[in-house]
Amino acid sequence: MTNDPETTKTVMSAQAFAGLGDGEIAYVKPIMSEDVNELYPGAPPMQPGMRLFALHAADGTPILLTDTREAAIANAWSQELEMVSVH
């Protein structure tokens, strides 16, 4: 075993990783209306087949549900959240 700095990896704990970007970073995720109740259990019934957009905090917590990507991004901007691309 070697302590070569080029091969040594730092491992983050699950708790540290979950807090990464907490309160500062968000992402938009497309979602179908059939899947809304998984993220928003109290949401009213929706017509199936609708494409919606969910704004999520960095830890995956849903913040907002809207019918356009632009509205989700505008909401993130109004809350001073940094948007990131998640693939």
Protein backbone atom coordinates (compact mmCIF):
# COMPACT_ATOMS: atom_id res chain seq x y z
CA MET A 1 0.00 0.00 0.00
CA THR A 2 1.27 3.46 -0.85
CA ASN A 3 0.36 6.96 0.29
CA ASP A 4 0.97 8.50 -3.09
CA PRO A 5 -1.09 11.75 -3.12
CA GLU A 6 -2.06 11.17 -6.74
CA THR A 7 -3.73 7.85 -5.92
CA THR A 8 -5.17 8.68 -2.49
CA LYS A 9 -8.92 9.37 -2.54
CA THR A 10 -10.88 11.31 0.02
CA VAL A 11 -14.19 9.73 0.90
CA MET A 12 -17.10 11.87 2.08
CA SER A 13 -19.55 10.47 4.58
CA ALA A 14 -23.19 10.11 3.49
CA GLN A 15 -24.09 12.88 5.93
CA ALA A 16 -21.45 15.25 4.52
CA PHE A 17 -22.51 14.46 0.97
CA ALA A 18 -26.20 15.09 1.82
CA GLY A 19 -25.34 18.51 3.19
CA LEU A 20 -23.37 19.52 0.12
CA GLY A 21 -24.85 22.72 -1.24
CA ASP A 22 -27.49 22.77 1.46
CA GLY A 23 -29.64 25.85 1.05
CA GLU A 24 -27.63 27.18 -1.87
CA ILE A 25 -27.90 24.73 -4.76
CA ALA A 26 -30.93 23.38 -6.61
CA TYR A 27 -31.82 21.47 -9.74
CA VAL A 28 -34.89 21.04 -11.95
CA LYS A 29 -36.19 17.58 -12.73
CA PRO A 30 -38.91 16.78 -15.28
CA ILE A 31 -41.66 14.64 -13.80
CA MET A 32 -44.87 13.11 -15.11
CA SER A 33 -48.13 13.90 -13.34
CA GLU A 34 -48.55 10.20 -12.49
CA ASP A 35 -45.43 10.45 -10.27
CA VAL A 36 -46.35 13.65 -8.39
CA ASN A 37 -47.80 11.91 -5.33
CA GLU A 38 -44.45 10.22 -4.64
CA LEU A 39 -42.80 13.62 -4.12
CA TYR A 40 -45.82 15.58 -2.94
CA PRO A 41 -48.13 13.22 -1.00
CA GLY A 42 -50.66 15.99 -0.33
CA ALA A 43 -50.97 17.08 -3.96
CA PRO A 44 -54.43 16.99 -5.50
CA PRO A 45 -55.18 14.39 -8.20
CA MET A 46 -53.85 15.34 -11.62
CA GLN A 47 -54.71 14.41 -15.14
CA PRO A 48 -52.33 11.62 -16.29
CA GLY A 49 -49.79 12.30 -19.01
CA MET A 50 -48.88 15.86 -18.03
CA ARG A 51 -45.20 16.78 -18.10
CA LEU A 52 -44.29 18.93 -15.09
CA PHE A 53 -41.09 20.27 -13.56
CA ALA A 54 -39.98 19.83 -9.95
CA LEU A 55 -37.43 22.11 -8.32
CA HIS A 56 -35.30 20.17 -5.82
CA ALA A 57 -32.78 21.24 -3.19
CA ALA A 58 -29.29 19.78 -3.48
CA ASP A 59 -30.23 16.96 -1.09
CA GLY A 60 -33.21 15.97 -3.26
CA THR A 61 -35.90 17.65 -1.15
CA PRO A 62 -38.71 18.84 -3.45
CA ILE A 63 -39.28 22.61 -3.28
CA LEU A 64 -41.74 23.45 -6.04
CA LEU A 65 -43.84 21.84 -8.75
CA THR A 66 -44.76 23.78 -11.88
CA ASP A 67 -45.83 23.29 -15.48
CA THR A 68 -42.79 24.96 -17.08
CA ARG A 69 -39.06 24.63 -16.65
CA GLU A 70 -38.74 28.40 -16.89
CA ALA A 71 -41.05 28.91 -13.87
CA ALA A 72 -38.98 26.45 -11.81
CA ILE A 73 -35.76 28.25 -12.74
CA ALA A 74 -37.32 31.65 -11.98
CA ASN A 75 -38.36 30.38 -8.55
CA ALA A 76 -34.82 29.14 -7.86
CA TRP A 77 -33.45 32.51 -8.94
CA SER A 78 -35.92 34.38 -6.70
CA GLN A 79 -34.76 32.26 -3.73
CA GLU A 80 -31.11 32.97 -4.65
CA LEU A 81 -30.39 29.30 -5.36
CA GLU A 82 -27.55 28.31 -7.66
CA MET A 83 -28.84 26.02 -10.43
CA VAL A 84 -26.78 22.97 -11.37
CA SER A 85 -27.16 20.41 -14.11
CA VAL A 86 -27.66 16.84 -12.90
CA HIS A 87 -27.17 13.92 -15.27
